[in-house]
Amino acid sequence: MSDTAVRHLLVDSFTRIAELVSGVTGGLSPEVATYRVDAEANTVAWLVWHLSRVQDDHVAGLAGTAQVWPEWRDRFALPFADDETGYGQSGDDVAQVRVGAELLAGYHAAVHAATLSYVAGLTDAELGRVVDERWDPPVTVSVRLVSVIGDTLQHLGQAAYVVGLAERAGRPS
């Protein structure tokens, strides 16, 4: 597969993710955004924030560029470390993410734009560049991008499921 075909595939994948984020956040009420199945469950707000943070962190790391998060961090006003992505957070931490749908969608849109900017310049050499030698086989740029897509889609599926559960529980959407 040529680097052009790979770029098109990645643009399509990340664009589908952005569309799914818009679908989950479009019309999302505060009640549904913060709905929890139990005290340790993730909320829609946390899931969308986390998947956006991970994509931002990982793609910026691959691209060697700054994350977009610093431009958004103050608007979120979260009581976390500046570089927090949500990995390994507790149920109490999840409950701290109480932000509006527009903010979640806006941050993800900025992450998406940065992602597409990086993907537009991918070459075969860049796709094959090793970024983590702690694994066997070592992780390349292409493997990391597929990992980000997979992780993000899993979290989006979880978010959509929680929206459905919240609506069935009578939370206003």
N, C-alpha and C. Protein backbone atom coordinates (compact mmCIF):
# COMPACT_ATOMS: atom_id res chain seq x y z
N MET A 1 0.85 -1.17 0.00
CA MET A 1 0.00 0.00 0.00
C MET A 1 0.90 1.23 0.00
N SER A 2 0.60 2.18 -0.87
CA SER A 2 1.41 3.39 -0.97
C SER A 2 1.16 4.31 0.21
N ASP A 3 2.11 5.22 0.43
CA ASP A 3 1.91 6.16 1.53
C ASP A 3 0.68 7.04 1.29
N THR A 4 0.36 7.31 0.02
CA THR A 4 -0.84 8.08 -0.30
C THR A 4 -2.10 7.32 0.13
N ALA A 5 -2.14 6.04 -0.17
CA ALA A 5 -3.30 5.23 0.22
C ALA A 5 -3.41 5.14 1.74
N VAL A 6 -2.28 5.01 2.41
CA VAL A 6 -2.30 4.95 3.86
C VAL A 6 -2.79 6.27 4.44
N ARG A 7 -2.31 7.38 3.88
CA ARG A 7 -2.78 8.69 4.36
C ARG A 7 -4.30 8.81 4.21
N HIS A 8 -4.82 8.39 3.05
CA HIS A 8 -6.27 8.46 2.84
C HIS A 8 -7.02 7.59 3.84
N LEU A 9 -6.49 6.42 4.11
CA LEU A 9 -7.12 5.52 5.08
C LEU A 9 -7.11 6.13 6.48
N LEU A 10 -6.00 6.72 6.87
CA LEU A 10 -5.91 7.35 8.19
C LEU A 10 -6.80 8.58 8.29
N VAL A 11 -6.85 9.39 7.24
CA VAL A 11 -7.74 10.56 7.24
C VAL A 11 -9.19 10.09 7.39
N ASP A 12 -9.56 9.05 6.66
CA ASP A 12 -10.92 8.52 6.77
C ASP A 12 -11.20 8.03 8.19
N SER A 13 -10.26 7.29 8.76
CA SER A 13 -10.45 6.75 10.11
C SER A 13 -10.60 7.85 11.14
N PHE A 14 -9.69 8.80 11.13
CA PHE A 14 -9.75 9.89 12.12
C PHE A 14 -10.96 10.80 11.88
N THR A 15 -11.38 10.96 10.63
CA THR A 15 -12.57 11.75 10.35
C THR A 15 -13.83 11.05 10.86
N ARG A 16 -13.87 9.74 10.74
CA ARG A 16 -15.00 8.99 11.30
C ARG A 16 -15.05 9.15 12.82
N ILE A 17 -13.89 9.14 13.44
CA ILE A 17 -13.83 9.35 14.89
C ILE A 17 -14.39 10.74 15.24
N ALA A 18 -13.95 11.75 14.51
CA ALA A 18 -14.44 13.11 14.77
C ALA A 18 -15.96 13.19 14.58
N GLU A 19 -16.47 12.51 13.58
CA GLU A 19 -17.92 12.50 13.36
C GLU A 19 -18.64 11.80 14.50
N LEU A 20 -18.05 10.71 15.00
CA LEU A 20 -18.66 10.01 16.13
C LEU A 20 -18.63 10.86 17.40
N VAL A 21 -17.54 11.61 17.61
CA VAL A 21 -17.49 12.52 18.75
C VAL A 21 -18.59 13.56 18.62
N SER A 22 -18.77 14.10 17.43
CA SER A 22 -19.85 15.08 17.22
C SER A 22 -21.21 14.45 17.49
N GLY A 23 -21.37 13.21 17.09
CA GLY A 23 -22.63 12.52 17.33
C GLY A 23 -22.90 12.31 18.81
N VAL A 24 -21.87 11.97 19.56
CA VAL A 24 -22.04 11.74 21.00
C VAL A 24 -22.25 13.06 21.74
N THR A 25 -21.56 14.10 21.34
CA THR A 25 -21.66 15.37 22.07
C THR A 25 -22.80 16.25 21.58
N GLY A 26 -23.28 16.02 20.37
CA GLY A 26 -24.38 16.83 19.84
C GLY A 26 -25.63 16.67 20.68
N GLY A 27 -26.08 17.75 21.29
CA GLY A 27 -27.28 17.71 22.11
C GLY A 27 -27.10 17.03 23.46
N LEU A 28 -25.86 16.79 23.85
CA LEU A 28 -25.57 16.12 25.11
C LEU A 28 -25.89 17.03 26.29
N SER A 29 -26.81 16.60 27.12
CA SER A 29 -27.18 17.40 28.30
C SER A 29 -26.16 17.18 29.42
N PRO A 30 -26.08 18.10 30.37
CA PRO A 30 -25.19 17.89 31.52
C PRO A 30 -25.55 16.63 32.30
N GLU A 31 -26.83 16.31 32.37
CA GLU A 31 -27.26 15.12 33.11
C GLU A 31 -26.76 13.84 32.46
N VAL A 32 -26.80 13.80 31.14
CA VAL A 32 -26.31 12.60 30.43
C VAL A 32 -24.79 12.60 30.41
N ALA A 33 -24.18 13.76 30.27
CA ALA A 33 -22.70 13.84 30.21
C ALA A 33 -22.06 13.32 31.49
N THR A 34 -22.75 13.47 32.61
CA THR A 34 -22.18 13.08 33.90
C THR A 34 -22.86 11.85 34.51
N TYR A 35 -23.72 11.21 33.75
CA TYR A 35 -24.42 10.01 34.24
C TYR A 35 -23.42 8.89 34.50
N ARG A 36 -23.61 8.20 35.64
CA ARG A 36 -22.75 7.07 35.99
C ARG A 36 -23.62 5.87 36.33
N VAL A 37 -23.27 4.74 35.76
CA VAL A 37 -23.99 3.50 36.03
C VAL A 37 -23.79 3.10 37.49
N ASP A 38 -22.59 3.33 38.00
CA ASP A 38 -22.29 3.14 39.41
C ASP A 38 -21.18 4.11 39.79
N ALA A 39 -20.78 4.10 41.03
CA ALA A 39 -19.83 5.10 41.54
C ALA A 39 -18.45 5.03 40.91
N GLU A 40 -18.11 3.92 40.29
CA GLU A 40 -16.79 3.79 39.68
C GLU A 40 -16.83 3.86 38.15
N ALA A 41 -18.01 3.98 37.59
CA ALA A 41 -18.16 3.95 36.13
C ALA A 41 -17.70 5.26 35.50
N ASN A 42 -17.26 5.15 34.26
CA ASN A 42 -16.86 6.34 33.50
C ASN A 42 -18.09 7.07 32.98
N THR A 43 -17.97 8.38 32.90
CA THR A 43 -19.04 9.21 32.34
C THR A 43 -18.74 9.49 30.87
N VAL A 44 -19.76 9.96 30.16
CA VAL A 44 -19.56 10.36 28.77
C VAL A 44 -18.54 11.50 28.71
N ALA A 45 -18.68 12.47 29.61
CA ALA A 45 -17.75 13.61 29.61
C ALA A 45 -16.31 13.14 29.81
N TRP A 46 -16.09 12.25 30.76
CA TRP A 46 -14.73 11.76 30.99
C TRP A 46 -14.24 10.97 29.79
N LEU A 47 -15.07 10.11 29.24
CA LEU A 47 -14.65 9.28 28.10
C LEU A 47 -14.23 10.13 26.91
N VAL A 48 -15.02 11.15 26.58
CA VAL A 48 -14.69 12.00 25.43
C VAL A 48 -13.46 12.84 25.74
N TRP A 49 -13.35 13.36 26.96
CA TRP A 49 -12.14 14.11 27.33
C TRP A 49 -10.92 13.20 27.24
N HIS A 50 -11.00 12.01 27.80
CA HIS A 50 -9.88 11.08 27.82
C HIS A 50 -9.46 10.65 26.42
N LEU A 51 -10.40 10.27 25.58
CA LEU A 51 -10.02 9.83 24.24
C LEU A 51 -9.39 10.96 23.45
N SER A 52 -9.85 12.17 23.69
CA SER A 52 -9.26 13.34 23.02
C SER A 52 -7.87 13.62 23.55
N ARG A 53 -7.69 13.50 24.86
CA ARG A 53 -6.37 13.71 25.47
C ARG A 53 -5.36 12.69 24.96
N VAL A 54 -5.77 11.44 24.87
CA VAL A 54 -4.84 10.40 24.41
C VAL A 54 -4.46 10.64 22.95
N GLN A 55 -5.44 10.95 22.11
CA GLN A 55 -5.13 11.23 20.71
C GLN A 55 -4.20 12.43 20.60
N ASP A 56 -4.49 13.48 21.35
CA ASP A 56 -3.66 14.69 21.34
C ASP A 56 -2.23 14.35 21.78
N ASP A 57 -2.11 13.66 22.89
CA ASP A 57 -0.80 13.30 23.45
C ASP A 57 0.00 12.43 22.48
N HIS A 58 -0.62 11.39 21.98
CA HIS A 58 0.11 10.43 21.15
C HIS A 58 0.47 11.00 19.77
N VAL A 59 -0.46 11.69 19.15
CA VAL A 59 -0.16 12.24 17.82
C VAL A 59 0.87 13.37 17.92
N ALA A 60 0.74 14.23 18.91
CA ALA A 60 1.75 15.28 19.09
C ALA A 60 3.12 14.67 19.35
N GLY A 61 3.15 13.58 20.13
CA GLY A 61 4.41 12.89 20.38
C GLY A 61 5.02 12.34 19.10
N LEU A 62 4.20 11.77 18.24
CA LEU A 62 4.71 11.26 16.97
C LEU A 62 5.19 12.39 16.07
N ALA A 63 4.42 13.48 16.05
CA ALA A 63 4.73 14.59 15.16
C ALA A 63 5.87 15.46 15.67
N GLY A 64 6.18 15.34 16.96
CA GLY A 64 7.20 16.21 17.54
C GLY A 64 6.71 17.64 17.66
N THR A 65 5.40 17.79 17.88
CA THR A 65 4.79 19.12 18.00
C THR A 65 4.16 19.27 19.39
N ALA A 66 3.76 20.48 19.69
CA ALA A 66 3.06 20.74 20.95
C ALA A 66 1.64 20.18 20.87
N GLN A 67 1.14 19.72 21.98
CA GLN A 67 -0.25 19.31 22.06
C GLN A 67 -1.14 20.55 21.98
N VAL A 68 -2.40 20.35 21.63
CA VAL A 68 -3.34 21.46 21.64
C VAL A 68 -3.93 21.68 23.04
N TRP A 69 -3.76 20.71 23.93
CA TRP A 69 -4.33 20.77 25.27
C TRP A 69 -4.01 22.06 26.03
N PRO A 70 -2.77 22.58 26.01
CA PRO A 70 -2.50 23.80 26.77
C PRO A 70 -3.43 24.97 26.40
N GLU A 71 -3.91 25.01 25.16
CA GLU A 71 -4.83 26.06 24.74
C GLU A 71 -6.23 25.86 25.33
N TRP A 72 -6.52 24.67 25.78
CA TRP A 72 -7.86 24.31 26.26
C TRP A 72 -7.89 24.06 27.77
N ARG A 73 -6.76 23.77 28.35
CA ARG A 73 -6.69 23.32 29.75
C ARG A 73 -7.43 24.25 30.72
N ASP A 74 -7.22 25.55 30.61
CA ASP A 74 -7.86 26.48 31.54
C ASP A 74 -9.38 26.49 31.40
N ARG A 75 -9.87 26.29 30.19
CA ARG A 75 -11.32 26.27 29.98
C ARG A 75 -11.96 25.04 30.65
N PHE A 76 -11.21 23.94 30.70
CA PHE A 76 -11.72 22.73 31.34
C PHE A 76 -11.66 22.85 32.86
N ALA A 77 -10.68 23.59 33.38
CA ALA A 77 -10.53 23.83 34.82
C ALA A 77 -10.57 22.53 35.63
N LEU A 78 -9.82 21.53 35.18
CA LEU A 78 -9.78 20.25 35.88
C LEU A 78 -8.68 20.26 36.93
N PRO A 79 -8.90 19.59 38.05
CA PRO A 79 -7.92 19.59 39.14
C PRO A 79 -6.84 18.50 38.95
N PHE A 80 -6.34 18.39 37.74
CA PHE A 80 -5.35 17.36 37.41
C PHE A 80 -4.02 18.01 37.04
N ALA A 81 -2.99 17.18 36.99
CA ALA A 81 -1.70 17.64 36.50
C ALA A 81 -1.87 18.16 35.07
N ASP A 82 -1.04 19.12 34.71
CA ASP A 82 -1.16 19.75 33.39
C ASP A 82 -1.10 18.77 32.23
N ASP A 83 -0.35 17.67 32.41
CA ASP A 83 -0.18 16.72 31.30
C ASP A 83 -1.06 15.48 31.44
N GLU A 84 -2.02 15.50 32.35
CA GLU A 84 -2.88 14.34 32.59
C GLU A 84 -3.65 13.95 31.33
N THR A 85 -3.71 12.64 31.08
CA THR A 85 -4.49 12.13 29.95
C THR A 85 -5.67 11.28 30.41
N GLY A 86 -5.71 10.95 31.69
CA GLY A 86 -6.80 10.13 32.22
C GLY A 86 -6.44 8.68 32.43
N TYR A 87 -5.29 8.26 31.94
CA TYR A 87 -4.90 6.86 32.07
C TYR A 87 -4.76 6.49 33.55
N GLY A 88 -5.49 5.45 33.98
CA GLY A 88 -5.38 4.96 35.34
C GLY A 88 -6.09 5.81 36.38
N GLN A 89 -6.93 6.75 35.96
CA GLN A 89 -7.59 7.60 36.93
C GLN A 89 -8.64 6.82 37.73
N SER A 90 -8.91 7.32 38.91
CA SER A 90 -9.88 6.71 39.82
C SER A 90 -11.30 7.18 39.49
N GLY A 91 -12.25 6.53 40.13
CA GLY A 91 -13.63 6.95 40.01
C GLY A 91 -13.85 8.37 40.49
N ASP A 92 -13.14 8.76 41.53
CA ASP A 92 -13.23 10.13 42.02
C ASP A 92 -12.72 11.12 40.98
N ASP A 93 -11.64 10.75 40.28
CA ASP A 93 -11.11 11.62 39.22
C ASP A 93 -12.12 11.75 38.09
N VAL A 94 -12.72 10.63 37.71
CA VAL A 94 -13.72 10.65 36.63
C VAL A 94 -14.82 11.66 36.96
N ALA A 95 -15.26 11.68 38.21
CA ALA A 95 -16.34 12.57 38.63
C ALA A 95 -15.96 14.05 38.51
N GLN A 96 -14.68 14.36 38.43
CA GLN A 96 -14.23 15.75 38.35
C GLN A 96 -14.42 16.35 36.95
N VAL A 97 -14.62 15.50 35.95
CA VAL A 97 -14.78 16.00 34.58
C VAL A 97 -16.25 16.33 34.37
N ARG A 98 -16.57 17.58 34.65
CA ARG A 98 -17.95 18.08 34.55
C ARG A 98 -17.93 19.30 33.63
N VAL A 99 -17.85 19.02 32.36
CA VAL A 99 -17.76 20.09 31.36
C VAL A 99 -18.85 19.92 30.32
N GLY A 100 -19.15 20.99 29.61
CA GLY A 100 -20.21 20.97 28.61
C GLY A 100 -19.82 20.28 27.32
N ALA A 101 -20.85 19.89 26.60
CA ALA A 101 -20.68 19.20 25.33
C ALA A 101 -19.91 20.05 24.32
N GLU A 102 -20.17 21.34 24.31
CA GLU A 102 -19.51 22.22 23.35
C GLU A 102 -18.00 22.27 23.59
N LEU A 103 -17.60 22.28 24.85
CA LEU A 103 -16.18 22.29 25.18
C LEU A 103 -15.52 20.98 24.77
N LEU A 104 -16.17 19.88 25.06
CA LEU A 104 -15.64 18.57 24.66
C LEU A 104 -15.51 18.49 23.14
N ALA A 105 -16.55 18.90 22.43
CA ALA A 105 -16.54 18.85 20.97
C ALA A 105 -15.47 19.79 20.40
N GLY A 106 -15.34 20.97 20.98
CA GLY A 106 -14.36 21.93 20.49
C GLY A 106 -12.94 21.45 20.67
N TYR A 107 -12.65 20.90 21.83
CA TYR A 107 -11.30 20.37 22.06
C TYR A 107 -11.01 19.23 21.09
N HIS A 108 -11.97 18.32 20.93
CA HIS A 108 -11.70 17.22 20.02
C HIS A 108 -11.53 17.71 18.58
N ALA A 109 -12.28 18.72 18.18
CA ALA A 109 -12.13 19.28 16.83
C ALA A 109 -10.72 19.84 16.64
N ALA A 110 -10.18 20.47 17.66
CA ALA A 110 -8.81 21.00 17.56
C ALA A 110 -7.79 19.86 17.49
N VAL A 111 -8.02 18.80 18.26
CA VAL A 111 -7.16 17.62 18.20
C VAL A 111 -7.24 16.99 16.81
N HIS A 112 -8.44 16.90 16.29
CA HIS A 112 -8.64 16.32 14.96
C HIS A 112 -7.88 17.12 13.89
N ALA A 113 -7.96 18.43 13.96
CA ALA A 113 -7.24 19.28 12.99
C ALA A 113 -5.73 19.05 13.08
N ALA A 114 -5.21 18.97 14.29
CA ALA A 114 -3.77 18.71 14.46
C ALA A 114 -3.41 17.32 13.93
N THR A 115 -4.28 16.36 14.16
CA THR A 115 -4.04 15.00 13.67
C THR A 115 -3.99 14.99 12.15
N LEU A 116 -4.95 15.62 11.50
CA LEU A 116 -4.97 15.64 10.03
C LEU A 116 -3.76 16.37 9.46
N SER A 117 -3.30 17.39 10.15
CA SER A 117 -2.10 18.10 9.71
C SER A 117 -0.89 17.17 9.71
N TYR A 118 -0.76 16.37 10.75
CA TYR A 118 0.35 15.41 10.82
C TYR A 118 0.19 14.32 9.77
N VAL A 119 -0.99 13.76 9.66
CA VAL A 119 -1.23 12.66 8.73
C VAL A 119 -0.97 13.11 7.28
N ALA A 120 -1.26 14.36 6.96
CA ALA A 120 -1.07 14.86 5.60
C ALA A 120 0.38 14.74 5.12
N GLY A 121 1.32 14.76 6.03
CA GLY A 121 2.73 14.71 5.65
C GLY A 121 3.38 13.35 5.81
N LEU A 122 2.60 12.33 6.13
CA LEU A 122 3.19 11.00 6.35
C LEU A 122 3.81 10.43 5.08
N THR A 123 4.97 9.83 5.25
CA THR A 123 5.66 9.13 4.17
C THR A 123 5.87 7.68 4.60
N ASP A 124 6.29 6.85 3.66
CA ASP A 124 6.59 5.46 4.02
C ASP A 124 7.65 5.39 5.11
N ALA A 125 8.66 6.26 5.00
CA ALA A 125 9.73 6.26 5.99
C ALA A 125 9.19 6.63 7.37
N GLU A 126 8.33 7.64 7.43
CA GLU A 126 7.76 8.06 8.71
C GLU A 126 6.86 6.96 9.28
N LEU A 127 6.06 6.34 8.45
CA LEU A 127 5.17 5.27 8.91
C LEU A 127 5.95 4.10 9.51
N GLY A 128 7.15 3.86 9.01
CA GLY A 128 7.98 2.77 9.50
C GLY A 128 8.91 3.14 10.63
N ARG A 129 8.94 4.42 11.00
CA ARG A 129 9.84 4.87 12.07
C ARG A 129 9.46 4.22 13.40
N VAL A 130 10.46 3.68 14.08
CA VAL A 130 10.25 3.05 15.38
C VAL A 130 10.14 4.14 16.44
N VAL A 131 9.07 4.06 17.25
CA VAL A 131 8.84 5.06 18.29
C VAL A 131 8.90 4.47 19.69
N ASP A 132 8.93 3.15 19.80
CA ASP A 132 8.99 2.51 21.12
C ASP A 132 9.62 1.13 20.96
N GLU A 133 10.82 1.00 21.48
CA GLU A 133 11.56 -0.26 21.36
C GLU A 133 11.33 -1.20 22.54
N ARG A 134 10.46 -0.82 23.46
CA ARG A 134 10.20 -1.68 24.62
C ARG A 134 9.33 -2.89 24.27
N TRP A 135 8.81 -2.94 23.07
CA TRP A 135 7.92 -4.03 22.64
C TRP A 135 8.64 -4.90 21.62
N ASP A 136 8.16 -6.11 21.47
CA ASP A 136 8.69 -7.03 20.46
C ASP A 136 7.55 -7.52 19.60
N PRO A 137 7.42 -7.06 18.40
CA PRO A 137 8.34 -6.17 17.69
C PRO A 137 8.19 -4.72 18.16
N PRO A 138 9.19 -3.91 17.89
CA PRO A 138 9.12 -2.50 18.28
C PRO A 138 7.92 -1.80 17.62
N VAL A 139 7.40 -0.80 18.31
CA VAL A 139 6.23 -0.05 17.83
C VAL A 139 6.68 1.01 16.83
N THR A 140 6.03 1.00 15.68
CA THR A 140 6.29 2.01 14.65
C THR A 140 5.20 3.08 14.69
N VAL A 141 5.40 4.14 13.92
CA VAL A 141 4.39 5.19 13.81
C VAL A 141 3.07 4.59 13.34
N SER A 142 3.11 3.74 12.33
CA SER A 142 1.86 3.18 11.82
C SER A 142 1.15 2.35 12.88
N VAL A 143 1.88 1.56 13.65
CA VAL A 143 1.27 0.76 14.72
C VAL A 143 0.69 1.67 15.79
N ARG A 144 1.39 2.73 16.15
CA ARG A 144 0.88 3.65 17.17
C ARG A 144 -0.40 4.32 16.70
N LEU A 145 -0.46 4.72 15.45
CA LEU A 145 -1.67 5.37 14.93
C LEU A 145 -2.86 4.40 14.93
N VAL A 146 -2.62 3.15 14.56
CA VAL A 146 -3.69 2.15 14.60
C VAL A 146 -4.14 1.93 16.04
N SER A 147 -3.20 1.93 16.97
CA SER A 147 -3.53 1.79 18.39
C SER A 147 -4.40 2.94 18.87
N VAL A 148 -4.07 4.16 18.47
CA VAL A 148 -4.86 5.33 18.86
C VAL A 148 -6.28 5.20 18.29
N ILE A 149 -6.38 4.81 17.04
CA ILE A 149 -7.70 4.64 16.41
C ILE A 149 -8.51 3.59 17.16
N GLY A 150 -7.91 2.46 17.47
CA GLY A 150 -8.61 1.40 18.17
C GLY A 150 -9.06 1.82 19.55
N ASP A 151 -8.18 2.45 20.30
CA ASP A 151 -8.50 2.90 21.66
C ASP A 151 -9.61 3.94 21.63
N THR A 152 -9.50 4.86 20.71
CA THR A 152 -10.49 5.93 20.60
C THR A 152 -11.86 5.37 20.24
N LEU A 153 -11.90 4.44 19.31
CA LEU A 153 -13.18 3.84 18.92
C LEU A 153 -13.81 3.06 20.07
N GLN A 154 -12.98 2.38 20.86
CA GLN A 154 -13.52 1.67 22.02
C GLN A 154 -14.17 2.64 23.00
N HIS A 155 -13.50 3.75 23.27
CA HIS A 155 -14.04 4.73 24.21
C HIS A 155 -15.30 5.41 23.65
N LEU A 156 -15.34 5.61 22.34
CA LEU A 156 -16.54 6.19 21.74
C LEU A 156 -17.72 5.22 21.85
N GLY A 157 -17.45 3.93 21.66
CA GLY A 157 -18.51 2.94 21.84
C GLY A 157 -19.03 2.92 23.26
N GLN A 158 -18.11 3.04 24.21
CA GLN A 158 -18.51 3.09 25.62
C GLN A 158 -19.35 4.34 25.88
N ALA A 159 -18.93 5.47 25.33
CA ALA A 159 -19.66 6.72 25.54
C ALA A 159 -21.07 6.62 24.95
N ALA A 160 -21.19 6.08 23.76
CA ALA A 160 -22.51 5.93 23.14
C ALA A 160 -23.39 4.99 23.97
N TYR A 161 -22.80 3.95 24.52
CA TYR A 161 -23.55 3.03 25.36
C TYR A 161 -24.05 3.72 26.63
N VAL A 162 -23.20 4.52 27.26
CA VAL A 162 -23.59 5.24 28.46
C VAL A 162 -24.70 6.25 28.14
N VAL A 163 -24.62 6.90 26.99
CA VAL A 163 -25.70 7.81 26.59
C VAL A 163 -27.02 7.03 26.55
N GLY A 164 -27.01 5.86 25.93
CA GLY A 164 -28.21 5.04 25.86
C GLY A 164 -28.71 4.62 27.23
N LEU A 165 -27.80 4.23 28.10
CA LEU A 165 -28.20 3.85 29.46
C LEU A 165 -28.81 5.04 30.22
N ALA A 166 -28.20 6.20 30.06
CA ALA A 166 -28.71 7.40 30.74
C ALA A 166 -30.10 7.76 30.24
N GLU A 167 -30.30 7.67 28.96
CA GLU A 167 -31.61 7.98 28.40
C GLU A 167 -32.65 6.97 28.87
N ARG A 168 -32.28 5.69 28.94
CA ARG A 168 -33.21 4.67 29.43
C ARG A 168 -33.54 4.87 30.92
N ALA A 169 -32.58 5.47 31.64
CA ALA A 169 -32.80 5.74 33.07
C ALA A 169 -33.59 7.03 33.28
N GLY A 170 -33.99 7.68 32.17
CA GLY A 170 -34.83 8.86 32.28
C GLY A 170 -34.09 10.17 32.39
N ARG A 171 -32.78 10.17 32.13
CA ARG A 171 -32.03 11.44 32.16
C ARG A 171 -32.38 12.23 30.90
N PRO A 172 -32.59 13.54 31.04
CA PRO A 172 -32.91 14.34 29.84
C PRO A 172 -31.70 14.47 28.94
N SER A 173 -31.92 14.24 27.66
CA SER A 173 -30.80 14.34 26.71
C SER A 173 -30.75 15.71 26.08
